[in-house]
Amino acid sequence: MIADFRKRFYVVLVLTVPIMLLSTMVQQFIGVHWQFPGSVYVLFAFSSIVYFYGGWPFLSGLVDEVKAKNPGMMFLIGFAITVAYAYSVAVVFGLQGMDFFGNWQHLF
């Protein structure tokens, strides 16, 4: 189990680098502009991998705790990442708002 978490951590860590570099807020902080047509979809793709692969232990724990009618920490984390991810996906595909992938250009 610990080896699985470690592997997931390193895969997610590697994928976080391009997510952060494509983030408008980070780009403004370091003074660059690397946005390109479709960059929000690249962020969406990488973030989806992070959500499903990195979040899988929490998502499966959420389901197990709901089935047992005994919500705990896995439910809390799984629910939180699901709400943030679902909201961000809705923003990418048309909902007015600010996604959590890091594409916050309308703030500045």
PDB file of N, CA and C in Angstrom:
ATOM      1  N   MET A   1       0.823  -1.195   0.000  1.00  0.00           N
ATOM      2  CA  MET A   1       0.000   0.000   0.000  1.00  0.00           C
ATOM      3  C   MET A   1       0.868   1.261   0.000  1.00  0.00           C
ATOM      4  N   ILE A   2       1.899   1.274   0.840  1.00  0.00           N
ATOM      5  CA  ILE A   2       2.772   2.446   0.890  1.00  0.00           C
ATOM      6  C   ILE A   2       3.518   2.606  -0.421  1.00  0.00           C
ATOM      7  N   ALA A   3       3.953   1.515  -1.018  1.00  0.00           N
ATOM      8  CA  ALA A   3       4.645   1.580  -2.307  1.00  0.00           C
ATOM      9  C   ALA A   3       3.719   2.139  -3.387  1.00  0.00           C
ATOM     10  N   ASP A   4       2.441   1.763  -3.341  1.00  0.00           N
ATOM     11  CA  ASP A   4       1.465   2.272  -4.302  1.00  0.00           C
ATOM     12  C   ASP A   4       1.285   3.783  -4.134  1.00  0.00           C
ATOM     13  N   PHE A   5       1.142   4.239  -2.897  1.00  0.00           N
ATOM     14  CA  PHE A   5       1.009   5.678  -2.647  1.00  0.00           C
ATOM     15  C   PHE A   5       2.261   6.423  -3.107  1.00  0.00           C
ATOM     16  N   ARG A   6       3.437   5.854  -2.858  1.00  0.00           N
ATOM     17  CA  ARG A   6       4.686   6.496  -3.260  1.00  0.00           C
ATOM     18  C   ARG A   6       4.748   6.624  -4.778  1.00  0.00           C
ATOM     19  N   LYS A   7       4.393   5.542  -5.486  1.00  0.00           N
ATOM     20  CA  LYS A   7       4.406   5.569  -6.954  1.00  0.00           C
ATOM     21  C   LYS A   7       3.426   6.618  -7.471  1.00  0.00           C
ATOM     22  N   ARG A   8       2.223   6.631  -6.928  1.00  0.00           N
ATOM     23  CA  ARG A   8       1.229   7.620  -7.352  1.00  0.00           C
ATOM     24  C   ARG A   8       1.710   9.038  -7.073  1.00  0.00           C
ATOM     25  N   PHE A   9       2.355   9.229  -5.921  1.00  0.00           N
ATOM     26  CA  PHE A   9       2.870  10.547  -5.567  1.00  0.00           C
ATOM     27  C   PHE A   9       3.872  11.039  -6.602  1.00  0.00           C
ATOM     28  N   TYR A  10       4.819  10.188  -6.990  1.00  0.00           N
ATOM     29  CA  TYR A  10       5.842  10.622  -7.942  1.00  0.00           C
ATOM     30  C   TYR A  10       5.273  10.860  -9.342  1.00  0.00           C
ATOM     31  N   VAL A  11       4.328  10.031  -9.771  1.00  0.00           N
ATOM     32  CA  VAL A  11       3.693  10.263 -11.073  1.00  0.00           C
ATOM     33  C   VAL A  11       2.941  11.597 -11.065  1.00  0.00           C
ATOM     34  N   VAL A  12       2.188  11.836 -10.008  1.00  0.00           N
ATOM     35  CA  VAL A  12       1.427  13.082  -9.891  1.00  0.00           C
ATOM     36  C   VAL A  12       2.372  14.278  -9.769  1.00  0.00           C
ATOM     37  N   LEU A  13       3.466  14.114  -9.059  1.00  0.00           N
ATOM     38  CA  LEU A  13       4.445  15.194  -8.923  1.00  0.00           C
ATOM     39  C   LEU A  13       5.003  15.595 -10.280  1.00  0.00           C
ATOM     40  N   VAL A  14       5.335  14.613 -11.115  1.00  0.00           N
ATOM     41  CA  VAL A  14       5.856  14.897 -12.459  1.00  0.00           C
ATOM     42  C   VAL A  14       4.797  15.625 -13.294  1.00  0.00           C
ATOM     43  N   LEU A  15       3.556  15.181 -13.207  1.00  0.00           N
ATOM     44  CA  LEU A  15       2.488  15.814 -13.987  1.00  0.00           C
ATOM     45  C   LEU A  15       2.136  17.209 -13.467  1.00  0.00           C
ATOM     46  N   THR A  16       2.445  17.473 -12.226  1.00  0.00           N
ATOM     47  CA  THR A  16       2.152  18.781 -11.653  1.00  0.00           C
ATOM     48  C   THR A  16       3.032  19.868 -12.257  1.00  0.00           C
ATOM     49  N   VAL A  17       4.223  19.531 -12.687  1.00  0.00           N
ATOM     50  CA  VAL A  17       5.132  20.529 -13.264  1.00  0.00           C
ATOM     51  C   VAL A  17       4.511  21.197 -14.490  1.00  0.00           C
ATOM     52  N   PRO A  18       4.058  20.447 -15.523  1.00  0.00           N
ATOM     53  CA  PRO A  18       3.442  21.153 -16.659  1.00  0.00           C
ATOM     54  C   PRO A  18       2.131  21.851 -16.285  1.00  0.00           C
ATOM     55  N   ILE A  19       1.397  21.304 -15.321  1.00  0.00           N
ATOM     56  CA  ILE A  19       0.168  21.969 -14.888  1.00  0.00           C
ATOM     57  C   ILE A  19       0.510  23.336 -14.308  1.00  0.00           C
ATOM     58  N   MET A  20       1.518  23.372 -13.465  1.00  0.00           N
ATOM     59  CA  MET A  20       1.918  24.649 -12.859  1.00  0.00           C
ATOM     60  C   MET A  20       2.480  25.605 -13.909  1.00  0.00           C
ATOM     61  N   LEU A  21       3.269  25.100 -14.844  1.00  0.00           N
ATOM     62  CA  LEU A  21       3.856  25.973 -15.860  1.00  0.00           C
ATOM     63  C   LEU A  21       2.812  26.532 -16.821  1.00  0.00           C
ATOM     64  N   LEU A  22       1.716  25.811 -17.022  1.00  0.00           N
ATOM     65  CA  LEU A  22       0.643  26.316 -17.879  1.00  0.00           C
ATOM     66  C   LEU A  22      -0.362  27.174 -17.116  1.00  0.00           C
ATOM     67  N   SER A  23      -0.225  27.238 -15.823  1.00  0.00           N
ATOM     68  CA  SER A  23      -1.120  28.045 -15.007  1.00  0.00           C
ATOM     69  C   SER A  23      -0.883  29.528 -15.263  1.00  0.00           C
ATOM     70  N   THR A  24      -1.932  30.239 -15.567  1.00  0.00           N
ATOM     71  CA  THR A  24      -1.822  31.665 -15.836  1.00  0.00           C
ATOM     72  C   THR A  24      -1.286  32.413 -14.625  1.00  0.00           C
ATOM     73  N   MET A  25      -1.735  32.043 -13.446  1.00  0.00           N
ATOM     74  CA  MET A  25      -1.297  32.726 -12.242  1.00  0.00           C
ATOM     75  C   MET A  25       0.206  32.526 -12.018  1.00  0.00           C
ATOM     76  N   VAL A  26       0.707  31.326 -12.216  1.00  0.00           N
ATOM     77  CA  VAL A  26       2.138  31.063 -12.061  1.00  0.00           C
ATOM     78  C   VAL A  26       2.918  31.792 -13.146  1.00  0.00           C
ATOM     79  N   GLN A  27       2.407  31.795 -14.367  1.00  0.00           N
ATOM     80  CA  GLN A  27       3.077  32.509 -15.450  1.00  0.00           C
ATOM     81  C   GLN A  27       3.186  33.996 -15.145  1.00  0.00           C
ATOM     82  N   GLN A  28       2.138  34.577 -14.605  1.00  0.00           N
ATOM     83  CA  GLN A  28       2.199  35.991 -14.237  1.00  0.00           C
ATOM     84  C   GLN A  28       3.186  36.221 -13.108  1.00  0.00           C
ATOM     85  N   PHE A  29       3.278  35.293 -12.187  1.00  0.00           N
ATOM     86  CA  PHE A  29       4.195  35.407 -11.063  1.00  0.00           C
ATOM     87  C   PHE A  29       5.650  35.381 -11.533  1.00  0.00           C
ATOM     88  N   ILE A  30       5.972  34.495 -12.497  1.00  0.00           N
ATOM     89  CA  ILE A  30       7.356  34.404 -12.972  1.00  0.00           C
ATOM     90  C   ILE A  30       7.624  35.279 -14.195  1.00  0.00           C
ATOM     91  N   GLY A  31       6.595  35.967 -14.685  1.00  0.00           N
ATOM     92  CA  GLY A  31       6.763  36.948 -15.755  1.00  0.00           C
ATOM     93  C   GLY A  31       6.896  36.381 -17.152  1.00  0.00           C
ATOM     94  N   VAL A  32       6.198  35.310 -17.456  1.00  0.00           N
ATOM     95  CA  VAL A  32       6.220  34.735 -18.799  1.00  0.00           C
ATOM     96  C   VAL A  32       4.793  34.604 -19.313  1.00  0.00           C
ATOM     97  N   HIS A  33       4.664  34.331 -20.607  1.00  0.00           N
ATOM     98  CA  HIS A  33       3.347  34.097 -21.195  1.00  0.00           C
ATOM     99  C   HIS A  33       3.458  32.898 -22.127  1.00  0.00           C
ATOM    100  N   TRP A  34       3.055  31.728 -21.641  1.00  0.00           N
ATOM    101  CA  TRP A  34       3.140  30.501 -22.414  1.00  0.00           C
ATOM    102  C   TRP A  34       1.769  29.975 -22.797  1.00  0.00           C
ATOM    103  N   GLN A  35       0.747  30.804 -22.777  1.00  0.00           N
ATOM    104  CA  GLN A  35      -0.589  30.364 -23.176  1.00  0.00           C
ATOM    105  C   GLN A  35      -0.615  30.167 -24.692  1.00  0.00           C
ATOM    106  N   PHE A  36      -1.369  29.215 -25.129  1.00  0.00           N
ATOM    107  CA  PHE A  36      -1.541  28.944 -26.550  1.00  0.00           C
ATOM    108  C   PHE A  36      -2.958  28.433 -26.757  1.00  0.00           C
ATOM    109  N   PRO A  37      -3.466  28.489 -27.977  1.00  0.00           N
ATOM    110  CA  PRO A  37      -4.823  27.986 -28.210  1.00  0.00           C
ATOM    111  C   PRO A  37      -4.927  26.518 -27.776  1.00  0.00           C
ATOM    112  N   GLY A  38      -5.880  26.258 -26.925  1.00  0.00           N
ATOM    113  CA  GLY A  38      -6.077  24.903 -26.440  1.00  0.00           C
ATOM    114  C   GLY A  38      -5.311  24.560 -25.180  1.00  0.00           C
ATOM    115  N   SER A  39      -4.579  25.523 -24.621  1.00  0.00           N
ATOM    116  CA  SER A  39      -3.807  25.214 -23.411  1.00  0.00           C
ATOM    117  C   SER A  39      -4.714  24.812 -22.252  1.00  0.00           C
ATOM    118  N   VAL A  40      -5.925  25.348 -22.223  1.00  0.00           N
ATOM    119  CA  VAL A  40      -6.860  24.970 -21.159  1.00  0.00           C
ATOM    120  C   VAL A  40      -7.238  23.489 -21.271  1.00  0.00           C
ATOM    121  N   TYR A  41      -7.247  22.958 -22.483  1.00  0.00           N
ATOM    122  CA  TYR A  41      -7.564  21.546 -22.677  1.00  0.00           C
ATOM    123  C   TYR A  41      -6.376  20.650 -22.299  1.00  0.00           C
ATOM    124  N   VAL A  42      -5.174  21.158 -22.494  1.00  0.00           N
ATOM    125  CA  VAL A  42      -3.989  20.431 -22.027  1.00  0.00           C
ATOM    126  C   VAL A  42      -4.007  20.384 -20.501  1.00  0.00           C
ATOM    127  N   LEU A  43      -4.321  21.521 -19.869  1.00  0.00           N
ATOM    128  CA  LEU A  43      -4.465  21.547 -18.414  1.00  0.00           C
ATOM    129  C   LEU A  43      -5.549  20.573 -17.961  1.00  0.00           C
ATOM    130  N   PHE A  44      -6.648  20.562 -18.675  1.00  0.00           N
ATOM    131  CA  PHE A  44      -7.744  19.639 -18.361  1.00  0.00           C
ATOM    132  C   PHE A  44      -7.275  18.183 -18.435  1.00  0.00           C
ATOM    133  N   ALA A  45      -6.534  17.841 -19.491  1.00  0.00           N
ATOM    134  CA  ALA A  45      -6.068  16.459 -19.668  1.00  0.00           C
ATOM    135  C   ALA A  45      -5.114  16.050 -18.547  1.00  0.00           C
ATOM    136  N   PHE A  46      -4.111  16.879 -18.279  1.00  0.00           N
ATOM    137  CA  PHE A  46      -3.165  16.557 -17.208  1.00  0.00           C
ATOM    138  C   PHE A  46      -3.859  16.511 -15.853  1.00  0.00           C
ATOM    139  N   SER A  47      -4.751  17.442 -15.615  1.00  0.00           N
ATOM    140  CA  SER A  47      -5.470  17.471 -14.339  1.00  0.00           C
ATOM    141  C   SER A  47      -6.383  16.266 -14.184  1.00  0.00           C
ATOM    142  N   SER A  48      -6.949  15.796 -15.285  1.00  0.00           N
ATOM    143  CA  SER A  48      -7.791  14.599 -15.231  1.00  0.00           C
ATOM    144  C   SER A  48      -6.974  13.382 -14.839  1.00  0.00           C
ATOM    145  N   ILE A  49      -5.769  13.283 -15.386  1.00  0.00           N
ATOM    146  CA  ILE A  49      -4.892  12.170 -15.016  1.00  0.00           C
ATOM    147  C   ILE A  49      -4.540  12.258 -13.526  1.00  0.00           C
ATOM    148  N   VAL A  50      -4.212  13.456 -13.072  1.00  0.00           N
ATOM    149  CA  VAL A  50      -3.882  13.638 -11.655  1.00  0.00           C
ATOM    150  C   VAL A  50      -5.083  13.276 -10.785  1.00  0.00           C
ATOM    151  N   TYR A  51      -6.273  13.726 -11.182  1.00  0.00           N
ATOM    152  CA  TYR A  51      -7.476  13.441 -10.393  1.00  0.00           C
ATOM    153  C   TYR A  51      -7.747  11.939 -10.323  1.00  0.00           C
ATOM    154  N   PHE A  52      -7.793  11.280 -11.487  1.00  0.00           N
ATOM    155  CA  PHE A  52      -8.175   9.871 -11.493  1.00  0.00           C
ATOM    156  C   PHE A  52      -7.056   8.958 -10.985  1.00  0.00           C
ATOM    157  N   TYR A  53      -5.836   9.186 -11.430  1.00  0.00           N
ATOM    158  CA  TYR A  53      -4.744   8.302 -11.009  1.00  0.00           C
ATOM    159  C   TYR A  53      -4.304   8.611  -9.580  1.00  0.00           C
ATOM    160  N   GLY A  54      -4.029   9.867  -9.307  1.00  0.00           N
ATOM    161  CA  GLY A  54      -3.584  10.240  -7.967  1.00  0.00           C
ATOM    162  C   GLY A  54      -4.670  10.145  -6.930  1.00  0.00           C
ATOM    163  N   GLY A  55      -5.907  10.402  -7.331  1.00  0.00           N
ATOM    164  CA  GLY A  55      -7.016  10.385  -6.394  1.00  0.00           C
ATOM    165  C   GLY A  55      -7.699   9.045  -6.236  1.00  0.00           C
ATOM    166  N   TRP A  56      -7.277   8.036  -7.012  1.00  0.00           N
ATOM    167  CA  TRP A  56      -7.965   6.753  -6.978  1.00  0.00           C
ATOM    168  C   TRP A  56      -8.086   6.147  -5.581  1.00  0.00           C
ATOM    169  N   PRO A  57      -7.051   6.141  -4.762  1.00  0.00           N
ATOM    170  CA  PRO A  57      -7.213   5.565  -3.416  1.00  0.00           C
ATOM    171  C   PRO A  57      -8.300   6.285  -2.605  1.00  0.00           C
ATOM    172  N   PHE A  58      -8.399   7.592  -2.782  1.00  0.00           N
ATOM    173  CA  PHE A  58      -9.402   8.359  -2.041  1.00  0.00           C
ATOM    174  C   PHE A  58     -10.799   8.156  -2.619  1.00  0.00           C
ATOM    175  N   LEU A  59     -10.871   8.039  -3.940  1.00  0.00           N
ATOM    176  CA  LEU A  59     -12.167   7.812  -4.574  1.00  0.00           C
ATOM    177  C   LEU A  59     -12.709   6.427  -4.229  1.00  0.00           C
ATOM    178  N   SER A  60     -11.852   5.427  -4.253  1.00  0.00           N
ATOM    179  CA  SER A  60     -12.315   4.084  -3.882  1.00  0.00           C
ATOM    180  C   SER A  60     -12.638   4.026  -2.390  1.00  0.00           C
ATOM    181  N   GLY A  61     -11.881   4.767  -1.570  1.00  0.00           N
ATOM    182  CA  GLY A  61     -12.188   4.845  -0.142  1.00  0.00           C
ATOM    183  C   GLY A  61     -13.513   5.534   0.110  1.00  0.00           C
ATOM    184  N   LEU A  62     -13.818   6.554  -0.690  1.00  0.00           N
ATOM    185  CA  LEU A  62     -15.106   7.253  -0.588  1.00  0.00           C
ATOM    186  C   LEU A  62     -16.245   6.268  -0.823  1.00  0.00           C
ATOM    187  N   VAL A  63     -16.123   5.480  -1.882  1.00  0.00           N
ATOM    188  CA  VAL A  63     -17.176   4.510  -2.208  1.00  0.00           C
ATOM    189  C   VAL A  63     -17.319   3.481  -1.094  1.00  0.00           C
ATOM    190  N   ASP A  64     -16.189   2.985  -0.600  1.00  0.00           N
ATOM    191  CA  ASP A  64     -16.238   1.986   0.482  1.00  0.00           C
ATOM    192  C   ASP A  64     -16.905   2.551   1.731  1.00  0.00           C
ATOM    193  N   GLU A  65     -16.571   3.794   2.080  1.00  0.00           N
ATOM    194  CA  GLU A  65     -17.148   4.389   3.283  1.00  0.00           C
ATOM    195  C   GLU A  65     -18.629   4.705   3.111  1.00  0.00           C
ATOM    196  N   VAL A  66     -19.037   5.072   1.914  1.00  0.00           N
ATOM    197  CA  VAL A  66     -20.466   5.313   1.665  1.00  0.00           C
ATOM    198  C   VAL A  66     -21.230   3.986   1.759  1.00  0.00           C
ATOM    199  N   LYS A  67     -20.677   2.929   1.178  1.00  0.00           N
ATOM    200  CA  LYS A  67     -21.331   1.619   1.259  1.00  0.00           C
ATOM    201  C   LYS A  67     -21.463   1.150   2.700  1.00  0.00           C
ATOM    202  N   ALA A  68     -20.450   1.435   3.515  1.00  0.00           N
ATOM    203  CA  ALA A  68     -20.475   1.026   4.917  1.00  0.00           C
ATOM    204  C   ALA A  68     -21.285   1.988   5.789  1.00  0.00           C
ATOM    205  N   LYS A  69     -21.769   3.061   5.181  1.00  0.00           N
ATOM    206  CA  LYS A  69     -22.508   4.101   5.912  1.00  0.00           C
ATOM    207  C   LYS A  69     -21.706   4.603   7.118  1.00  0.00           C
ATOM    208  N   ASN A  70     -20.401   4.782   6.852  1.00  0.00           N
ATOM    209  CA  ASN A  70     -19.499   5.217   7.907  1.00  0.00           C
ATOM    210  C   ASN A  70     -18.482   6.193   7.307  1.00  0.00           C
ATOM    211  N   PRO A  71     -18.930   7.429   6.968  1.00  0.00           N
ATOM    212  CA  PRO A  71     -18.009   8.365   6.328  1.00  0.00           C
ATOM    213  C   PRO A  71     -16.867   8.755   7.263  1.00  0.00           C
ATOM    214  N   GLY A  72     -15.697   8.846   6.669  1.00  0.00           N
ATOM    215  CA  GLY A  72     -14.502   9.224   7.404  1.00  0.00           C
ATOM    216  C   GLY A  72     -13.606  10.093   6.534  1.00  0.00           C
ATOM    217  N   MET A  73     -12.308   9.991   6.780  1.00  0.00           N
ATOM    218  CA  MET A  73     -11.353  10.846   6.087  1.00  0.00           C
ATOM    219  C   MET A  73     -11.297  10.570   4.586  1.00  0.00           C
ATOM    220  N   MET A  74     -11.406   9.323   4.168  1.00  0.00           N
ATOM    221  CA  MET A  74     -11.380   9.026   2.730  1.00  0.00           C
ATOM    222  C   MET A  74     -12.592   9.640   2.041  1.00  0.00           C
ATOM    223  N   PHE A  75     -13.732   9.613   2.702  1.00  0.00           N
ATOM    224  CA  PHE A  75     -14.927  10.254   2.165  1.00  0.00           C
ATOM    225  C   PHE A  75     -14.687  11.760   2.028  1.00  0.00           C
ATOM    226  N   LEU A  76     -14.135  12.365   3.055  1.00  0.00           N
ATOM    227  CA  LEU A  76     -13.896  13.810   3.048  1.00  0.00           C
ATOM    228  C   LEU A  76     -12.964  14.216   1.911  1.00  0.00           C
ATOM    229  N   ILE A  77     -11.841  13.524   1.779  1.00  0.00           N
ATOM    230  CA  ILE A  77     -10.871  13.862   0.737  1.00  0.00           C
ATOM    231  C   ILE A  77     -11.442  13.546  -0.642  1.00  0.00           C
ATOM    232  N   GLY A  78     -12.051  12.371  -0.807  1.00  0.00           N
ATOM    233  CA  GLY A  78     -12.636  11.999  -2.098  1.00  0.00           C
ATOM    234  C   GLY A  78     -13.720  12.958  -2.541  1.00  0.00           C
ATOM    235  N   PHE A  79     -14.566  13.359  -1.606  1.00  0.00           N
ATOM    236  CA  PHE A  79     -15.637  14.308  -1.928  1.00  0.00           C
ATOM    237  C   PHE A  79     -15.056  15.666  -2.302  1.00  0.00           C
ATOM    238  N   ALA A  80     -14.067  16.127  -1.555  1.00  0.00           N
ATOM    239  CA  ALA A  80     -13.471  17.444  -1.822  1.00  0.00           C
ATOM    240  C   ALA A  80     -12.802  17.495  -3.185  1.00  0.00           C
ATOM    241  N   ILE A  81     -12.014  16.473  -3.530  1.00  0.00           N
ATOM    242  CA  ILE A  81     -11.346  16.518  -4.829  1.00  0.00           C
ATOM    243  C   ILE A  81     -12.339  16.349  -5.971  1.00  0.00           C
ATOM    244  N   THR A  82     -13.416  15.612  -5.729  1.00  0.00           N
ATOM    245  CA  THR A  82     -14.442  15.437  -6.761  1.00  0.00           C
ATOM    246  C   THR A  82     -15.189  16.732  -7.024  1.00  0.00           C
ATOM    247  N   VAL A  83     -15.542  17.456  -5.974  1.00  0.00           N
ATOM    248  CA  VAL A  83     -16.238  18.736  -6.147  1.00  0.00           C
ATOM    249  C   VAL A  83     -15.339  19.736  -6.885  1.00  0.00           C
ATOM    250  N   ALA A  84     -14.076  19.842  -6.485  1.00  0.00           N
ATOM    251  CA  ALA A  84     -13.153  20.770  -7.142  1.00  0.00           C
ATOM    252  C   ALA A  84     -12.946  20.389  -8.608  1.00  0.00           C
ATOM    253  N   TYR A  85     -12.769  19.107  -8.871  1.00  0.00           N
ATOM    254  CA  TYR A  85     -12.561  18.649 -10.244  1.00  0.00           C
ATOM    255  C   TYR A  85     -13.809  18.879 -11.098  1.00  0.00           C
ATOM    256  N   ALA A  86     -14.978  18.506 -10.591  1.00  0.00           N
ATOM    257  CA  ALA A  86     -16.225  18.678 -11.358  1.00  0.00           C
ATOM    258  C   ALA A  86     -16.480  20.144 -11.672  1.00  0.00           C
ATOM    259  N   TYR A  87     -16.245  21.016 -10.700  1.00  0.00           N
ATOM    260  CA  TYR A  87     -16.431  22.448 -10.937  1.00  0.00           C
ATOM    261  C   TYR A  87     -15.462  22.945 -12.006  1.00  0.00           C
ATOM    262  N   SER A  88     -14.204  22.542 -11.913  1.00  0.00           N
ATOM    263  CA  SER A  88     -13.212  22.980 -12.890  1.00  0.00           C
ATOM    264  C   SER A  88     -13.531  22.474 -14.289  1.00  0.00           C
ATOM    265  N   VAL A  89     -14.004  21.248 -14.410  1.00  0.00           N
ATOM    266  CA  VAL A  89     -14.404  20.712 -15.712  1.00  0.00           C
ATOM    267  C   VAL A  89     -15.572  21.533 -16.270  1.00  0.00           C
ATOM    268  N   ALA A  90     -16.519  21.878 -15.426  1.00  0.00           N
ATOM    269  CA  ALA A  90     -17.655  22.694 -15.872  1.00  0.00           C
ATOM    270  C   ALA A  90     -17.174  24.055 -16.365  1.00  0.00           C
ATOM    271  N   VAL A  91     -16.185  24.643 -15.701  1.00  0.00           N
ATOM    272  CA  VAL A  91     -15.649  25.942 -16.125  1.00  0.00           C
ATOM    273  C   VAL A  91     -14.938  25.802 -17.466  1.00  0.00           C
ATOM    274  N   VAL A  92     -14.164  24.742 -17.649  1.00  0.00           N
ATOM    275  CA  VAL A  92     -13.470  24.524 -18.920  1.00  0.00           C
ATOM    276  C   VAL A  92     -14.465  24.433 -20.065  1.00  0.00           C
ATOM    277  N   PHE A  93     -15.611  23.810 -19.813  1.00  0.00           N
ATOM    278  CA  PHE A  93     -16.582  23.599 -20.879  1.00  0.00           C
ATOM    279  C   PHE A  93     -17.743  24.586 -20.860  1.00  0.00           C
ATOM    280  N   GLY A  94     -17.524  25.793 -20.289  1.00  0.00           N
ATOM    281  CA  GLY A  94     -18.497  26.847 -20.481  1.00  0.00           C
ATOM    282  C   GLY A  94     -19.075  27.537 -19.274  1.00  0.00           C
ATOM    283  N   LEU A  95     -19.022  26.949 -18.088  1.00  0.00           N
ATOM    284  CA  LEU A  95     -19.557  27.621 -16.902  1.00  0.00           C
ATOM    285  C   LEU A  95     -18.706  28.841 -16.590  1.00  0.00           C
ATOM    286  N   GLN A  96     -19.355  29.966 -16.282  1.00  0.00           N
ATOM    287  CA  GLN A  96     -18.616  31.159 -15.883  1.00  0.00           C
ATOM    288  C   GLN A  96     -18.026  30.927 -14.511  1.00  0.00           C
ATOM    289  N   GLY A  97     -16.744  31.152 -14.375  1.00  0.00           N
ATOM    290  CA  GLY A  97     -16.101  30.982 -13.085  1.00  0.00           C
ATOM    291  C   GLY A  97     -14.610  30.818 -13.232  1.00  0.00           C
ATOM    292  N   MET A  98     -13.983  30.397 -12.146  1.00  0.00           N
ATOM    293  CA  MET A  98     -12.538  30.249 -12.089  1.00  0.00           C
ATOM    294  C   MET A  98     -12.233  28.778 -11.805  1.00  0.00           C
ATOM    295  N   ASP A  99     -11.496  28.122 -12.716  1.00  0.00           N
ATOM    296  CA  ASP A  99     -11.198  26.713 -12.485  1.00  0.00           C
ATOM    297  C   ASP A  99     -10.072  26.548 -11.470  1.00  0.00           C
ATOM    298  N   PHE A 100      -9.937  25.350 -10.961  1.00  0.00           N
ATOM    299  CA  PHE A 100      -8.898  25.047  -9.982  1.00  0.00           C
ATOM    300  C   PHE A 100      -7.662  24.452 -10.633  1.00  0.00           C
ATOM    301  N   PHE A 101      -7.619  24.363 -11.978  1.00  0.00           N
ATOM    302  CA  PHE A 101      -6.431  23.847 -12.650  1.00  0.00           C
ATOM    303  C   PHE A 101      -5.339  24.905 -12.690  1.00  0.00           C
ATOM    304  N   GLY A 102      -5.695  26.158 -12.488  1.00  0.00           N
ATOM    305  CA  GLY A 102      -4.685  27.202 -12.492  1.00  0.00           C
ATOM    306  C   GLY A 102      -4.835  28.188 -13.629  1.00  0.00           C
ATOM    307  N   ASN A 103      -5.894  28.164 -14.376  1.00  0.00           N
ATOM    308  CA  ASN A 103      -6.068  29.086 -15.490  1.00  0.00           C
ATOM    309  C   ASN A 103      -6.924  30.258 -15.026  1.00  0.00           C
ATOM    310  N   TRP A 104      -6.323  31.182 -14.303  1.00  0.00           N
ATOM    311  CA  TRP A 104      -7.050  32.235 -13.603  1.00  0.00           C
ATOM    312  C   TRP A 104      -6.884  33.597 -14.262  1.00  0.00           C
ATOM    313  N   GLN A 105      -6.810  33.655 -15.603  1.00  0.00           N
ATOM    314  CA  GLN A 105      -6.499  34.912 -16.248  1.00  0.00           C
ATOM    315  C   GLN A 105      -7.516  36.011 -15.996  1.00  0.00           C
ATOM    316  N   HIS A 106      -8.766  35.693 -15.712  1.00  0.00           N
ATOM    317  CA  HIS A 106      -9.763  36.730 -15.538  1.00  0.00           C
ATOM    318  C   HIS A 106      -9.651  37.396 -14.159  1.00  0.00           C
ATOM    319  N   LEU A 107      -8.713  36.986 -13.337  1.00  0.00           N
ATOM    320  CA  LEU A 107      -8.512  37.671 -12.057  1.00  0.00           C
ATOM    321  C   LEU A 107      -7.618  38.905 -12.207  1.00  0.00           C
ATOM    322  N   PHE A 108      -6.793  38.915 -13.242  1.00  0.00           N
ATOM    323  CA  PHE A 108      -5.794  39.983 -13.368  1.00  0.00           C
ATOM    324  C   PHE A 108      -6.020  40.816 -14.583  1.00  0.00           C
TER     325      PHE A 108
END
